[in-house]
Amino acid sequence: MDFSQPRKARKPSLTPMIDVVFLLLVFFMLASRFGADMHIPMQISGAGTGYSGPPRLVDVRPETLSVNGISVSEDGMITALKGLIDTADDIVIIRPREAASLQRVVTVMGLLGDAGFSRVVLVK
């Protein structure tokens, strides 16, 4: 070995550092939560007090709604149900039908909640 000649300095490789940065990026993307969770208060079918009064069954289909078998619009649903309840604690039953999406069911539940119906039961 010849110690008289200085060695040429090596440039450090940035590849391991880039790998670590991408691994951290993937970790934090998978570990983080995007958006806020939504909580829908709902009574489980058959729990709590019994059902009383006239039937209040809302069938939710992909394009239409019906109350007690009569096809209605979204506003008509609220009007029809208000004629069937005595108090805000009366139960309204929602039944998803024929490929109704979860978003459609949640939208109908939101409409009922906005209209003041406090007890909504989801059945299969």
PDB file of N, CA and C in Angstrom:
ATOM      1  N   MET A   1       0.815  -1.170   0.000  1.00  0.00           N
ATOM      2  CA  MET A   1       0.000   0.000   0.000  1.00  0.00           C
ATOM      3  C   MET A   1       0.865   1.242   0.000  1.00  0.00           C
ATOM      4  N   ASP A   2       0.353   2.154  -0.712  1.00  0.00           N
ATOM      5  CA  ASP A   2       1.084   3.396  -0.785  1.00  0.00           C
ATOM      6  C   ASP A   2       0.321   4.454  -0.009  1.00  0.00           C
ATOM      7  N   PHE A   3       0.951   4.906   1.127  1.00  0.00           N
ATOM      8  CA  PHE A   3       0.269   5.873   1.976  1.00  0.00           C
ATOM      9  C   PHE A   3       0.566   7.312   1.557  1.00  0.00           C
ATOM     10  N   SER A   4       1.366   7.496   0.594  1.00  0.00           N
ATOM     11  CA  SER A   4       1.720   8.845   0.187  1.00  0.00           C
ATOM     12  C   SER A   4       0.629   9.492  -0.667  1.00  0.00           C
ATOM     13  N   GLN A   5      -0.099   8.703  -1.356  1.00  0.00           N
ATOM     14  CA  GLN A   5      -1.170   9.261  -2.187  1.00  0.00           C
ATOM     15  C   GLN A   5      -2.474   9.286  -1.381  1.00  0.00           C
ATOM     16  N   PRO A   6      -3.114  10.456  -1.327  1.00  0.00           N
ATOM     17  CA  PRO A   6      -4.373  10.522  -0.592  1.00  0.00           C
ATOM     18  C   PRO A   6      -5.472   9.765  -1.347  1.00  0.00           C
ATOM     19  N   ARG A   7      -6.300   9.137  -0.548  1.00  0.00           N
ATOM     20  CA  ARG A   7      -7.407   8.390  -1.160  1.00  0.00           C
ATOM     21  C   ARG A   7      -8.495   9.364  -1.602  1.00  0.00           C
ATOM     22  N   LYS A   8      -9.122   9.016  -2.638  1.00  0.00           N
ATOM     23  CA  LYS A   8     -10.225   9.816  -3.139  1.00  0.00           C
ATOM     24  C   LYS A   8     -11.444   9.589  -2.223  1.00  0.00           C
ATOM     25  N   ALA A   9     -12.057  10.676  -1.750  1.00  0.00           N
ATOM     26  CA  ALA A   9     -13.187  10.560  -0.833  1.00  0.00           C
ATOM     27  C   ALA A   9     -14.411  10.003  -1.580  1.00  0.00           C
ATOM     28  N   ARG A  10     -15.079   9.045  -0.920  1.00  0.00           N
ATOM     29  CA  ARG A  10     -16.282   8.454  -1.516  1.00  0.00           C
ATOM     30  C   ARG A  10     -17.499   9.282  -1.143  1.00  0.00           C
ATOM     31  N   LYS A  11     -18.380   9.435  -2.093  1.00  0.00           N
ATOM     32  CA  LYS A  11     -19.639  10.114  -1.807  1.00  0.00           C
ATOM     33  C   LYS A  11     -20.565   9.097  -1.158  1.00  0.00           C
ATOM     34  N   PRO A  12     -21.240   9.491  -0.089  1.00  0.00           N
ATOM     35  CA  PRO A  12     -22.148   8.538   0.552  1.00  0.00           C
ATOM     36  C   PRO A  12     -23.357   8.249  -0.359  1.00  0.00           C
ATOM     37  N   SER A  13     -23.820   7.049  -0.308  1.00  0.00           N
ATOM     38  CA  SER A  13     -24.975   6.642  -1.107  1.00  0.00           C
ATOM     39  C   SER A  13     -26.260   7.116  -0.424  1.00  0.00           C
ATOM     40  N   LEU A  14     -27.121   7.713  -1.185  1.00  0.00           N
ATOM     41  CA  LEU A  14     -28.380   8.204  -0.649  1.00  0.00           C
ATOM     42  C   LEU A  14     -29.505   7.166  -0.759  1.00  0.00           C
ATOM     43  N   THR A  15     -29.251   6.051  -1.392  1.00  0.00           N
ATOM     44  CA  THR A  15     -30.284   5.040  -1.590  1.00  0.00           C
ATOM     45  C   THR A  15     -30.867   4.524  -0.275  1.00  0.00           C
ATOM     46  N   PRO A  16     -30.073   4.162   0.730  1.00  0.00           N
ATOM     47  CA  PRO A  16     -30.689   3.697   1.984  1.00  0.00           C
ATOM     48  C   PRO A  16     -31.552   4.758   2.671  1.00  0.00           C
ATOM     49  N   MET A  17     -31.124   6.014   2.592  1.00  0.00           N
ATOM     50  CA  MET A  17     -31.897   7.073   3.219  1.00  0.00           C
ATOM     51  C   MET A  17     -33.238   7.254   2.490  1.00  0.00           C
ATOM     52  N   ILE A  18     -33.227   7.189   1.180  1.00  0.00           N
ATOM     53  CA  ILE A  18     -34.465   7.309   0.406  1.00  0.00           C
ATOM     54  C   ILE A  18     -35.387   6.138   0.716  1.00  0.00           C
ATOM     55  N   ASP A  19     -34.847   4.929   0.863  1.00  0.00           N
ATOM     56  CA  ASP A  19     -35.651   3.766   1.217  1.00  0.00           C
ATOM     57  C   ASP A  19     -36.327   3.967   2.572  1.00  0.00           C
ATOM     58  N   VAL A  20     -35.590   4.474   3.535  1.00  0.00           N
ATOM     59  CA  VAL A  20     -36.157   4.701   4.867  1.00  0.00           C
ATOM     60  C   VAL A  20     -37.256   5.757   4.812  1.00  0.00           C
ATOM     61  N   VAL A  21     -37.048   6.816   4.046  1.00  0.00           N
ATOM     62  CA  VAL A  21     -38.053   7.868   3.927  1.00  0.00           C
ATOM     63  C   VAL A  21     -39.332   7.306   3.317  1.00  0.00           C
ATOM     64  N   PHE A  22     -39.210   6.494   2.280  1.00  0.00           N
ATOM     65  CA  PHE A  22     -40.408   5.918   1.657  1.00  0.00           C
ATOM     66  C   PHE A  22     -41.089   4.913   2.585  1.00  0.00           C
ATOM     67  N   LEU A  23     -40.339   4.155   3.335  1.00  0.00           N
ATOM     68  CA  LEU A  23     -40.949   3.241   4.297  1.00  0.00           C
ATOM     69  C   LEU A  23     -41.711   4.002   5.377  1.00  0.00           C
ATOM     70  N   LEU A  24     -41.134   5.100   5.856  1.00  0.00           N
ATOM     71  CA  LEU A  24     -41.838   5.924   6.837  1.00  0.00           C
ATOM     72  C   LEU A  24     -43.094   6.554   6.235  1.00  0.00           C
ATOM     73  N   LEU A  25     -43.009   6.994   5.003  1.00  0.00           N
ATOM     74  CA  LEU A  25     -44.167   7.573   4.329  1.00  0.00           C
ATOM     75  C   LEU A  25     -45.296   6.549   4.217  1.00  0.00           C
ATOM     76  N   VAL A  26     -44.970   5.333   3.792  1.00  0.00           N
ATOM     77  CA  VAL A  26     -45.975   4.279   3.673  1.00  0.00           C
ATOM     78  C   VAL A  26     -46.556   3.942   5.048  1.00  0.00           C
ATOM     79  N   PHE A  27     -45.713   3.844   6.060  1.00  0.00           N
ATOM     80  CA  PHE A  27     -46.185   3.529   7.408  1.00  0.00           C
ATOM     81  C   PHE A  27     -47.186   4.574   7.897  1.00  0.00           C
ATOM     82  N   PHE A  28     -46.837   5.849   7.773  1.00  0.00           N
ATOM     83  CA  PHE A  28     -47.718   6.886   8.286  1.00  0.00           C
ATOM     84  C   PHE A  28     -48.989   7.023   7.453  1.00  0.00           C
ATOM     85  N   MET A  29     -48.935   6.746   6.163  1.00  0.00           N
ATOM     86  CA  MET A  29     -50.152   6.772   5.348  1.00  0.00           C
ATOM     87  C   MET A  29     -51.095   5.648   5.760  1.00  0.00           C
ATOM     88  N   LEU A  30     -50.553   4.469   6.052  1.00  0.00           N
ATOM     89  CA  LEU A  30     -51.404   3.355   6.445  1.00  0.00           C
ATOM     90  C   LEU A  30     -51.896   3.475   7.886  1.00  0.00           C
ATOM     91  N   ALA A  31     -51.129   4.121   8.732  1.00  0.00           N
ATOM     92  CA  ALA A  31     -51.490   4.228  10.143  1.00  0.00           C
ATOM     93  C   ALA A  31     -52.409   5.416  10.424  1.00  0.00           C
ATOM     94  N   SER A  32     -52.488   6.370   9.509  1.00  0.00           N
ATOM     95  CA  SER A  32     -53.311   7.554   9.770  1.00  0.00           C
ATOM     96  C   SER A  32     -54.758   7.289   9.399  1.00  0.00           C
ATOM     97  N   ARG A  33     -55.633   8.138   9.892  1.00  0.00           N
ATOM     98  CA  ARG A  33     -57.063   8.019   9.613  1.00  0.00           C
ATOM     99  C   ARG A  33     -57.475   9.196   8.751  1.00  0.00           C
ATOM    100  N   PHE A  34     -58.111   8.887   7.642  1.00  0.00           N
ATOM    101  CA  PHE A  34     -58.573   9.930   6.737  1.00  0.00           C
ATOM    102  C   PHE A  34     -60.065  10.127   6.944  1.00  0.00           C
ATOM    103  N   GLY A  35     -60.489  11.344   7.170  1.00  0.00           N
ATOM    104  CA  GLY A  35     -61.905  11.625   7.363  1.00  0.00           C
ATOM    105  C   GLY A  35     -62.345  11.281   8.766  1.00  0.00           C
ATOM    106  N   ALA A  36     -63.498  11.779   9.112  1.00  0.00           N
ATOM    107  CA  ALA A  36     -64.040  11.540  10.444  1.00  0.00           C
ATOM    108  C   ALA A  36     -65.057  10.404  10.386  1.00  0.00           C
ATOM    109  N   ASP A  37     -65.054   9.588  11.409  1.00  0.00           N
ATOM    110  CA  ASP A  37     -66.049   8.530  11.495  1.00  0.00           C
ATOM    111  C   ASP A  37     -67.388   9.156  11.844  1.00  0.00           C
ATOM    112  N   MET A  38     -68.428   8.536  11.322  1.00  0.00           N
ATOM    113  CA  MET A  38     -69.771   9.037  11.590  1.00  0.00           C
ATOM    114  C   MET A  38     -70.490   8.040  12.476  1.00  0.00           C
ATOM    115  N   HIS A  39     -71.136   8.548  13.499  1.00  0.00           N
ATOM    116  CA  HIS A  39     -71.872   7.697  14.421  1.00  0.00           C
ATOM    117  C   HIS A  39     -73.358   7.900  14.171  1.00  0.00           C
ATOM    118  N   ILE A  40     -74.041   6.798  13.901  1.00  0.00           N
ATOM    119  CA  ILE A  40     -75.479   6.860  13.690  1.00  0.00           C
ATOM    120  C   ILE A  40     -76.148   6.193  14.873  1.00  0.00           C
ATOM    121  N   PRO A  41     -76.795   6.968  15.754  1.00  0.00           N
ATOM    122  CA  PRO A  41     -77.488   6.335  16.875  1.00  0.00           C
ATOM    123  C   PRO A  41     -78.700   5.569  16.355  1.00  0.00           C
ATOM    124  N   MET A  42     -78.807   4.309  16.766  1.00  0.00           N
ATOM    125  CA  MET A  42     -79.873   3.482  16.243  1.00  0.00           C
ATOM    126  C   MET A  42     -80.169   2.383  17.239  1.00  0.00           C
ATOM    127  N   GLN A  43     -81.438   2.033  17.337  1.00  0.00           N
ATOM    128  CA  GLN A  43     -81.848   0.967  18.230  1.00  0.00           C
ATOM    129  C   GLN A  43     -81.836  -0.345  17.469  1.00  0.00           C
ATOM    130  N   ILE A  44     -81.332  -1.384  18.104  1.00  0.00           N
ATOM    131  CA  ILE A  44     -81.292  -2.697  17.485  1.00  0.00           C
ATOM    132  C   ILE A  44     -82.696  -3.278  17.488  1.00  0.00           C
ATOM    133  N   SER A  45     -83.054  -3.923  16.399  1.00  0.00           N
ATOM    134  CA  SER A  45     -84.397  -4.478  16.260  1.00  0.00           C
ATOM    135  C   SER A  45     -84.702  -5.436  17.400  1.00  0.00           C
ATOM    136  N   GLY A  46     -85.851  -5.246  18.023  1.00  0.00           N
ATOM    137  CA  GLY A  46     -86.278  -6.121  19.111  1.00  0.00           C
ATOM    138  C   GLY A  46     -85.819  -5.672  20.480  1.00  0.00           C
ATOM    139  N   ALA A  47     -84.997  -4.659  20.571  1.00  0.00           N
ATOM    140  CA  ALA A  47     -84.504  -4.205  21.872  1.00  0.00           C
ATOM    141  C   ALA A  47     -85.374  -3.069  22.385  1.00  0.00           C
ATOM    142  N   GLY A  48     -85.453  -2.919  23.666  1.00  0.00           N
ATOM    143  CA  GLY A  48     -86.164  -1.799  24.269  1.00  0.00           C
ATOM    144  C   GLY A  48     -87.650  -2.053  24.380  1.00  0.00           C
ATOM    145  N   THR A  49     -88.409  -0.966  24.365  1.00  0.00           N
ATOM    146  CA  THR A  49     -89.848  -1.076  24.548  1.00  0.00           C
ATOM    147  C   THR A  49     -90.505  -1.617  23.295  1.00  0.00           C
ATOM    148  N   GLY A  50     -91.731  -2.084  23.462  1.00  0.00           N
ATOM    149  CA  GLY A  50     -92.458  -2.683  22.358  1.00  0.00           C
ATOM    150  C   GLY A  50     -92.980  -1.650  21.383  1.00  0.00           C
ATOM    151  N   TYR A  51     -93.370  -2.145  20.251  1.00  0.00           N
ATOM    152  CA  TYR A  51     -93.919  -1.314  19.180  1.00  0.00           C
ATOM    153  C   TYR A  51     -95.401  -1.120  19.436  1.00  0.00           C
ATOM    154  N   SER A  52     -95.899   0.085  19.253  1.00  0.00           N
ATOM    155  CA  SER A  52     -97.330   0.337  19.410  1.00  0.00           C
ATOM    156  C   SER A  52     -97.769   1.334  18.342  1.00  0.00           C
ATOM    157  N   GLY A  53     -99.054   1.327  18.063  1.00  0.00           N
ATOM    158  CA  GLY A  53     -99.595   2.260  17.088  1.00  0.00           C
ATOM    159  C   GLY A  53     -99.670   1.656  15.703  1.00  0.00           C
ATOM    160  N   PRO A  54    -100.026   2.494  14.727  1.00  0.00           N
ATOM    161  CA  PRO A  54    -100.145   1.998  13.361  1.00  0.00           C
ATOM    162  C   PRO A  54     -98.775   1.630  12.792  1.00  0.00           C
ATOM    163  N   PRO A  55     -98.752   0.794  11.747  1.00  0.00           N
ATOM    164  CA  PRO A  55     -97.458   0.431  11.156  1.00  0.00           C
ATOM    165  C   PRO A  55     -96.777   1.646  10.538  1.00  0.00           C
ATOM    166  N   ARG A  56     -95.468   1.695  10.719  1.00  0.00           N
ATOM    167  CA  ARG A  56     -94.637   2.762  10.164  1.00  0.00           C
ATOM    168  C   ARG A  56     -93.415   2.104   9.542  1.00  0.00           C
ATOM    169  N   LEU A  57     -93.616   1.465   8.397  1.00  0.00           N
ATOM    170  CA  LEU A  57     -92.557   0.713   7.726  1.00  0.00           C
ATOM    171  C   LEU A  57     -92.120   1.455   6.469  1.00  0.00           C
ATOM    172  N   VAL A  58     -90.838   1.817   6.422  1.00  0.00           N
ATOM    173  CA  VAL A  58     -90.275   2.507   5.262  1.00  0.00           C
ATOM    174  C   VAL A  58     -89.413   1.511   4.507  1.00  0.00           C
ATOM    175  N   ASP A  59     -89.808   1.176   3.276  1.00  0.00           N
ATOM    176  CA  ASP A  59     -89.000   0.325   2.408  1.00  0.00           C
ATOM    177  C   ASP A  59     -88.090   1.215   1.577  1.00  0.00           C
ATOM    178  N   VAL A  60     -86.785   0.937   1.637  1.00  0.00           N
ATOM    179  CA  VAL A  60     -85.800   1.733   0.909  1.00  0.00           C
ATOM    180  C   VAL A  60     -85.308   0.911  -0.268  1.00  0.00           C
ATOM    181  N   ARG A  61     -85.554   1.412  -1.468  1.00  0.00           N
ATOM    182  CA  ARG A  61     -85.067   0.787  -2.699  1.00  0.00           C
ATOM    183  C   ARG A  61     -84.056   1.731  -3.339  1.00  0.00           C
ATOM    184  N   PRO A  62     -83.285   1.255  -4.314  1.00  0.00           N
ATOM    185  CA  PRO A  62     -82.261   2.132  -4.906  1.00  0.00           C
ATOM    186  C   PRO A  62     -82.802   3.456  -5.455  1.00  0.00           C
ATOM    187  N   GLU A  63     -83.989   3.452  -6.028  1.00  0.00           N
ATOM    188  CA  GLU A  63     -84.516   4.676  -6.632  1.00  0.00           C
ATOM    189  C   GLU A  63     -85.787   5.198  -5.965  1.00  0.00           C
ATOM    190  N   THR A  64     -86.482   4.349  -5.207  1.00  0.00           N
ATOM    191  CA  THR A  64     -87.773   4.755  -4.654  1.00  0.00           C
ATOM    192  C   THR A  64     -87.850   4.470  -3.163  1.00  0.00           C
ATOM    193  N   LEU A  65     -88.851   5.082  -2.543  1.00  0.00           N
ATOM    194  CA  LEU A  65     -89.185   4.840  -1.136  1.00  0.00           C
ATOM    195  C   LEU A  65     -90.654   4.478  -1.064  1.00  0.00           C
ATOM    196  N   SER A  66     -91.020   3.682  -0.076  1.00  0.00           N
ATOM    197  CA  SER A  66     -92.441   3.434   0.155  1.00  0.00           C
ATOM    198  C   SER A  66     -92.696   3.377   1.655  1.00  0.00           C
ATOM    199  N   VAL A  67     -93.846   3.900   2.047  1.00  0.00           N
ATOM    200  CA  VAL A  67     -94.294   3.869   3.439  1.00  0.00           C
ATOM    201  C   VAL A  67     -95.510   2.952   3.490  1.00  0.00           C
ATOM    202  N   ASN A  68     -95.375   1.873   4.246  1.00  0.00           N
ATOM    203  CA  ASN A  68     -96.444   0.878   4.369  1.00  0.00           C
ATOM    204  C   ASN A  68     -96.923   0.387   3.006  1.00  0.00           C
ATOM    205  N   GLY A  69     -95.984   0.217   2.064  1.00  0.00           N
ATOM    206  CA  GLY A  69     -96.299  -0.320   0.740  1.00  0.00           C
ATOM    207  C   GLY A  69     -96.743   0.703  -0.280  1.00  0.00           C
ATOM    208  N   ILE A  70     -96.873   1.961   0.097  1.00  0.00           N
ATOM    209  CA  ILE A  70     -97.301   3.007  -0.838  1.00  0.00           C
ATOM    210  C   ILE A  70     -96.077   3.818  -1.244  1.00  0.00           C
ATOM    211  N   SER A  71     -95.813   3.885  -2.542  1.00  0.00           N
ATOM    212  CA  SER A  71     -94.643   4.590  -3.051  1.00  0.00           C
ATOM    213  C   SER A  71     -94.774   6.094  -2.788  1.00  0.00           C
ATOM    214  N   VAL A  72     -93.691   6.684  -2.249  1.00  0.00           N
ATOM    215  CA  VAL A  72     -93.690   8.112  -1.901  1.00  0.00           C
ATOM    216  C   VAL A  72     -92.347   8.727  -2.273  1.00  0.00           C
ATOM    217  N   SER A  73     -92.335  10.055  -2.334  1.00  0.00           N
ATOM    218  CA  SER A  73     -91.070  10.775  -2.500  1.00  0.00           C
ATOM    219  C   SER A  73     -90.440  10.959  -1.123  1.00  0.00           C
ATOM    220  N   GLU A  74     -89.267  11.585  -1.082  1.00  0.00           N
ATOM    221  CA  GLU A  74     -88.608  11.809   0.214  1.00  0.00           C
ATOM    222  C   GLU A  74     -89.447  12.740   1.088  1.00  0.00           C
ATOM    223  N   ASP A  75     -89.980  13.811   0.511  1.00  0.00           N
ATOM    224  CA  ASP A  75     -90.837  14.722   1.289  1.00  0.00           C
ATOM    225  C   ASP A  75     -92.150  14.048   1.655  1.00  0.00           C
ATOM    226  N   GLY A  76     -92.665  13.238   0.731  1.00  0.00           N
ATOM    227  CA  GLY A  76     -93.901  12.514   0.995  1.00  0.00           C
ATOM    228  C   GLY A  76     -93.744  11.492   2.109  1.00  0.00           C
ATOM    229  N   MET A  77     -92.534  10.931   2.227  1.00  0.00           N
ATOM    230  CA  MET A  77     -92.253   9.978   3.307  1.00  0.00           C
ATOM    231  C   MET A  77     -92.412  10.662   4.662  1.00  0.00           C
ATOM    232  N   ILE A  78     -91.843  11.840   4.793  1.00  0.00           N
ATOM    233  CA  ILE A  78     -91.910  12.577   6.057  1.00  0.00           C
ATOM    234  C   ILE A  78     -93.362  12.929   6.372  1.00  0.00           C
ATOM    235  N   THR A  79     -94.089  13.411   5.372  1.00  0.00           N
ATOM    236  CA  THR A  79     -95.490  13.790   5.576  1.00  0.00           C
ATOM    237  C   THR A  79     -96.333  12.584   5.983  1.00  0.00           C
ATOM    238  N   ALA A  80     -96.130  11.453   5.286  1.00  0.00           N
ATOM    239  CA  ALA A  80     -96.899  10.243   5.592  1.00  0.00           C
ATOM    240  C   ALA A  80     -96.597   9.742   6.994  1.00  0.00           C
ATOM    241  N   LEU A  81     -95.320   9.783   7.392  1.00  0.00           N
ATOM    242  CA  LEU A  81     -94.950   9.293   8.721  1.00  0.00           C
ATOM    243  C   LEU A  81     -95.461  10.213   9.828  1.00  0.00           C
ATOM    244  N   LYS A  82     -95.464  11.517   9.583  1.00  0.00           N
ATOM    245  CA  LYS A  82     -95.965  12.451  10.609  1.00  0.00           C
ATOM    246  C   LYS A  82     -97.434  12.208  10.889  1.00  0.00           C
ATOM    247  N   GLY A  83     -98.179  11.718   9.897  1.00  0.00           N
ATOM    248  CA  GLY A  83     -99.576  11.391  10.113  1.00  0.00           C
ATOM    249  C   GLY A  83     -99.772  10.087  10.873  1.00  0.00           C
ATOM    250  N   LEU A  84     -98.702   9.283  11.012  1.00  0.00           N
ATOM    251  CA  LEU A  84     -98.815   7.976  11.662  1.00  0.00           C
ATOM    252  C   LEU A  84     -98.251   7.934  13.078  1.00  0.00           C
ATOM    253  N   ILE A  85     -97.627   9.023  13.535  1.00  0.00           N
ATOM    254  CA  ILE A  85     -97.032   8.996  14.870  1.00  0.00           C
ATOM    255  C   ILE A  85     -97.813   9.889  15.822  1.00  0.00           C
ATOM    256  N   ASP A  86     -97.766   9.504  17.089  1.00  0.00           N
ATOM    257  CA  ASP A  86     -98.400  10.313  18.136  1.00  0.00           C
ATOM    258  C   ASP A  86     -97.368  11.173  18.847  1.00  0.00           C
ATOM    259  N   THR A  87     -96.190  10.597  19.141  1.00  0.00           N
ATOM    260  CA  THR A  87     -95.119  11.321  19.833  1.00  0.00           C
ATOM    261  C   THR A  87     -93.815  11.112  19.078  1.00  0.00           C
ATOM    262  N   ALA A  88     -92.809  11.912  19.418  1.00  0.00           N
ATOM    263  CA  ALA A  88     -91.504  11.791  18.761  1.00  0.00           C
ATOM    264  C   ALA A  88     -90.804  10.486  19.134  1.00  0.00           C
ATOM    265  N   ASP A  89     -91.286   9.804  20.184  1.00  0.00           N
ATOM    266  CA  ASP A  89     -90.673   8.545  20.603  1.00  0.00           C
ATOM    267  C   ASP A  89     -91.253   7.326  19.896  1.00  0.00           C
ATOM    268  N   ASP A  90     -92.213   7.513  19.000  1.00  0.00           N
ATOM    269  CA  ASP A  90     -92.754   6.376  18.259  1.00  0.00           C
ATOM    270  C   ASP A  90     -91.692   5.822  17.317  1.00  0.00           C
ATOM    271  N   ILE A  91     -91.718   4.512  17.149  1.00  0.00           N
ATOM    272  CA  ILE A  91     -90.691   3.826  16.359  1.00  0.00           C
ATOM    273  C   ILE A  91     -91.038   3.873  14.872  1.00  0.00           C
ATOM    274  N   VAL A  92     -90.031   4.162  14.053  1.00  0.00           N
ATOM    275  CA  VAL A  92     -90.132   4.060  12.597  1.00  0.00           C
ATOM    276  C   VAL A  92     -89.192   2.949  12.166  1.00  0.00           C
ATOM    277  N   ILE A  93     -89.702   2.012  11.370  1.00  0.00           N
ATOM    278  CA  ILE A  93     -88.904   0.863  10.938  1.00  0.00           C
ATOM    279  C   ILE A  93     -88.434   1.090   9.507  1.00  0.00           C
ATOM    280  N   ILE A  94     -87.135   0.929   9.286  1.00  0.00           N
ATOM    281  CA  ILE A  94     -86.552   1.040   7.947  1.00  0.00           C
ATOM    282  C   ILE A  94     -86.147  -0.351   7.494  1.00  0.00           C
ATOM    283  N   ARG A  95     -86.523  -0.696   6.261  1.00  0.00           N
ATOM    284  CA  ARG A  95     -86.172  -2.000   5.702  1.00  0.00           C
ATOM    285  C   ARG A  95     -85.546  -1.790   4.323  1.00  0.00           C
ATOM    286  N   PRO A  96     -84.225  -2.017   4.197  1.00  0.00           N
ATOM    287  CA  PRO A  96     -83.586  -1.932   2.882  1.00  0.00           C
ATOM    288  C   PRO A  96     -84.074  -3.075   1.983  1.00  0.00           C
ATOM    289  N   ARG A  97     -84.322  -2.777   0.731  1.00  0.00           N
ATOM    290  CA  ARG A  97     -84.826  -3.774  -0.203  1.00  0.00           C
ATOM    291  C   ARG A  97     -83.992  -3.785  -1.486  1.00  0.00           C
ATOM    292  N   GLU A  98     -83.975  -4.926  -2.150  1.00  0.00           N
ATOM    293  CA  GLU A  98     -83.486  -5.091  -3.514  1.00  0.00           C
ATOM    294  C   GLU A  98     -82.294  -4.209  -3.878  1.00  0.00           C
ATOM    295  N   ALA A  99     -81.173  -4.516  -3.328  1.00  0.00           N
ATOM    296  CA  ALA A  99     -79.893  -3.876  -3.690  1.00  0.00           C
ATOM    297  C   ALA A  99     -79.825  -2.392  -3.357  1.00  0.00           C
ATOM    298  N   ALA A 100     -80.531  -1.953  -2.344  1.00  0.00           N
ATOM    299  CA  ALA A 100     -80.394  -0.562  -1.896  1.00  0.00           C
ATOM    300  C   ALA A 100     -79.022  -0.404  -1.262  1.00  0.00           C
ATOM    301  N   SER A 101     -78.310   0.629  -1.650  1.00  0.00           N
ATOM    302  CA  SER A 101     -76.955   0.831  -1.130  1.00  0.00           C
ATOM    303  C   SER A 101     -77.004   1.324   0.317  1.00  0.00           C
ATOM    304  N   LEU A 102     -75.919   1.100   1.012  1.00  0.00           N
ATOM    305  CA  LEU A 102     -75.822   1.568   2.394  1.00  0.00           C
ATOM    306  C   LEU A 102     -75.938   3.087   2.451  1.00  0.00           C
ATOM    307  N   GLN A 103     -75.362   3.770   1.475  1.00  0.00           N
ATOM    308  CA  GLN A 103     -75.447   5.228   1.450  1.00  0.00           C
ATOM    309  C   GLN A 103     -76.898   5.689   1.331  1.00  0.00           C
ATOM    310  N   ARG A 104     -77.678   4.991   0.543  1.00  0.00           N
ATOM    311  CA  ARG A 104     -79.102   5.340   0.382  1.00  0.00           C
ATOM    312  C   ARG A 104     -79.838   5.180   1.717  1.00  0.00           C
ATOM    313  N   VAL A 105     -79.555   4.077   2.434  1.00  0.00           N
ATOM    314  CA  VAL A 105     -80.194   3.833   3.730  1.00  0.00           C
ATOM    315  C   VAL A 105     -79.788   4.909   4.733  1.00  0.00           C
ATOM    316  N   VAL A 106     -78.510   5.262   4.758  1.00  0.00           N
ATOM    317  CA  VAL A 106     -78.021   6.295   5.681  1.00  0.00           C
ATOM    318  C   VAL A 106     -78.641   7.653   5.344  1.00  0.00           C
ATOM    319  N   THR A 107     -78.812   7.937   4.057  1.00  0.00           N
ATOM    320  CA  THR A 107     -79.450   9.190   3.649  1.00  0.00           C
ATOM    321  C   THR A 107     -80.889   9.257   4.148  1.00  0.00           C
ATOM    322  N   VAL A 108     -81.627   8.157   4.003  1.00  0.00           N
ATOM    323  CA  VAL A 108     -83.013   8.114   4.487  1.00  0.00           C
ATOM    324  C   VAL A 108     -83.040   8.268   5.999  1.00  0.00           C
ATOM    325  N   MET A 109     -82.108   7.618   6.704  1.00  0.00           N
ATOM    326  CA  MET A 109     -82.042   7.760   8.157  1.00  0.00           C
ATOM    327  C   MET A 109     -81.748   9.208   8.549  1.00  0.00           C
ATOM    328  N   GLY A 110     -80.885   9.864   7.788  1.00  0.00           N
ATOM    329  CA  GLY A 110     -80.592  11.277   8.043  1.00  0.00           C
ATOM    330  C   GLY A 110     -81.806  12.162   7.831  1.00  0.00           C
ATOM    331  N   LEU A 111     -82.574  11.881   6.777  1.00  0.00           N
ATOM    332  CA  LEU A 111     -83.804  12.639   6.536  1.00  0.00           C
ATOM    333  C   LEU A 111     -84.785  12.473   7.685  1.00  0.00           C
ATOM    334  N   LEU A 112     -84.915  11.245   8.169  1.00  0.00           N
ATOM    335  CA  LEU A 112     -85.819  10.995   9.295  1.00  0.00           C
ATOM    336  C   LEU A 112     -85.338  11.713  10.555  1.00  0.00           C
ATOM    337  N   GLY A 113     -84.036  11.665  10.800  1.00  0.00           N
ATOM    338  CA  GLY A 113     -83.485  12.360  11.966  1.00  0.00           C
ATOM    339  C   GLY A 113     -83.683  13.859  11.876  1.00  0.00           C
ATOM    340  N   ASP A 114     -83.486  14.427  10.683  1.00  0.00           N
ATOM    341  CA  ASP A 114     -83.683  15.868  10.499  1.00  0.00           C
ATOM    342  C   ASP A 114     -85.145  16.266  10.680  1.00  0.00           C
ATOM    343  N   ALA A 115     -86.050  15.333  10.379  1.00  0.00           N
ATOM    344  CA  ALA A 115     -87.487  15.626  10.510  1.00  0.00           C
ATOM    345  C   ALA A 115     -87.979  15.441  11.944  1.00  0.00           C
ATOM    346  N   GLY A 116     -87.114  14.973  12.831  1.00  0.00           N
ATOM    347  CA  GLY A 116     -87.485  14.855  14.243  1.00  0.00           C
ATOM    348  C   GLY A 116     -87.852  13.458  14.716  1.00  0.00           C
ATOM    349  N   PHE A 117     -87.675  12.466  13.861  1.00  0.00           N
ATOM    350  CA  PHE A 117     -87.958  11.090  14.276  1.00  0.00           C
ATOM    351  C   PHE A 117     -86.743  10.587  15.057  1.00  0.00           C
ATOM    352  N   SER A 118     -86.934  10.354  16.353  1.00  0.00           N
ATOM    353  CA  SER A 118     -85.795  10.031  17.214  1.00  0.00           C
ATOM    354  C   SER A 118     -85.552   8.533  17.362  1.00  0.00           C
ATOM    355  N   ARG A 119     -86.541   7.710  17.047  1.00  0.00           N
ATOM    356  CA  ARG A 119     -86.380   6.270  17.217  1.00  0.00           C
ATOM    357  C   ARG A 119     -86.552   5.574  15.878  1.00  0.00           C
ATOM    358  N   VAL A 120     -85.429   5.213  15.280  1.00  0.00           N
ATOM    359  CA  VAL A 120     -85.415   4.535  13.991  1.00  0.00           C
ATOM    360  C   VAL A 120     -84.821   3.155  14.194  1.00  0.00           C
ATOM    361  N   VAL A 121     -85.514   2.145  13.690  1.00  0.00           N
ATOM    362  CA  VAL A 121     -85.052   0.755  13.816  1.00  0.00           C
ATOM    363  C   VAL A 121     -84.794   0.228  12.418  1.00  0.00           C
ATOM    364  N   LEU A 122     -83.635  -0.374  12.228  1.00  0.00           N
ATOM    365  CA  LEU A 122     -83.250  -0.959  10.947  1.00  0.00           C
ATOM    366  C   LEU A 122     -83.452  -2.467  11.023  1.00  0.00           C
ATOM    367  N   VAL A 123     -84.238  -3.007  10.103  1.00  0.00           N
ATOM    368  CA  VAL A 123     -84.479  -4.453  10.071  1.00  0.00           C
ATOM    369  C   VAL A 123     -84.007  -5.011   8.745  1.00  0.00           C
ATOM    370  N   LYS A 124     -83.828  -6.319   8.737  1.00  0.00           N
ATOM    371  CA  LYS A 124     -83.349  -6.987   7.527  1.00  0.00           C
ATOM    372  C   LYS A 124     -84.504  -7.434   6.689  1.00  0.00           C
TER     373      LYS A 124
END
